[in-house]
Amino acid sequence: MSCKIGSSYTIKANDTLFEIATRELGDGDRWREILNPNGIPFTEKEAENLQTGQEICLPKIDEPPTQEVPGVKFFPPGTLNQLNTLTGLDAQQLTNILGMINGPEQANSKWWQTVDEEIIYGYAEDIEDGRGVTIGIYGATTGKDYNDADIIWKNYGQDYSNLPVDEIIEKVHAIANDQKWWKAQWDAYISTYWQPTLKLLKSKNYMKALTIGVLIDTAMNAGIEDDNSENWGVEHLFTEASDDTNNEEDFVDRFMELRLQFPTRDSGDMEERIGAWQKLLRDHKWDMRVDLKNYVYIPQ
């Protein structure tokens, strides 16, 4: 795989990223600017496990130091690579999509934080809607008839769902910084929402970052299948929008129109939520390389 950004370098025996940055960039501390060929920065674990013959990508020496994408360190090891393989998007594009999703959900455009600026992996709250405790990065629920958090417990290897509400919340807070818990949530998020949604989009080859963002936001908020005849999920919305349109731009526009006609129940101000994505479409921000403060909807 050739480098999308910068110049290619092949790892030699006993190379480290720090030594390469010192030798090639003049500053060992610039090792974090070295990227995988897919444009994603190395995690510390990946940096410690380089393989002879592995390709890496160096920034041009005359380029100013790059800024770390906010929130990258809050992805568990391997998750950015999973998402890149699934979507073709890099860290900046993915974090902007997640920030758009998190804004109306947690009143915070930093996807890794709650409204109280606590880490999102420790989010646990009984919002008293009959679905038990709402937890984690995508608001999985623990109630008897709404137990979509089961896959997270299974991934983590510990099931707290049968505990009293207060104890579930206490347990989730206690493991908020456990990267195994982070990975358990992300693996569930990807299998439950990202993979089914991307399967639909790949069938039409509608794979621009904005399109992916619009549908993932809908999947997380409205679900994959319909709630009922008045509240449609992603599959139904996708089919209807596809039938009405012949290109990706018209599809996204129509999808959001339908989203407003068949909104999720009890989900806040849908016009404001969808309006943020519609503004991105009007501004032709297909690559999602934007300043989020100009777009994301934060409820007051």
Foldseek 3Di string as FASTA:
>chain_A
DAAPAAHKDFDAPPDALLVCCCVPQVGSVLSQVKAASLREGDDPVRRVDDDGGHMIHDHDNPDDRDDDQPPPVVQFPPLQVVVCVLFVAYDNLVLLLLLLLQQLVAVGSRLQAHVVRDGQQLDWDCPPPQQAIQHGSLRQGLHPVRRLCVQLCVQLVHDPSPPPRVVVSVVSNVCSPPSSSSVSVSVSLCVFQVVVQSVLCVVVVLRFSLQSSLQSSQCSFQNQAAPDPQAGGSVVLQVVLVVVDDDNLSSSVSSLVVCVRRDHPPRPDSCLSSVLSVVCSVVVVRNSNDDSVVRRHHDD
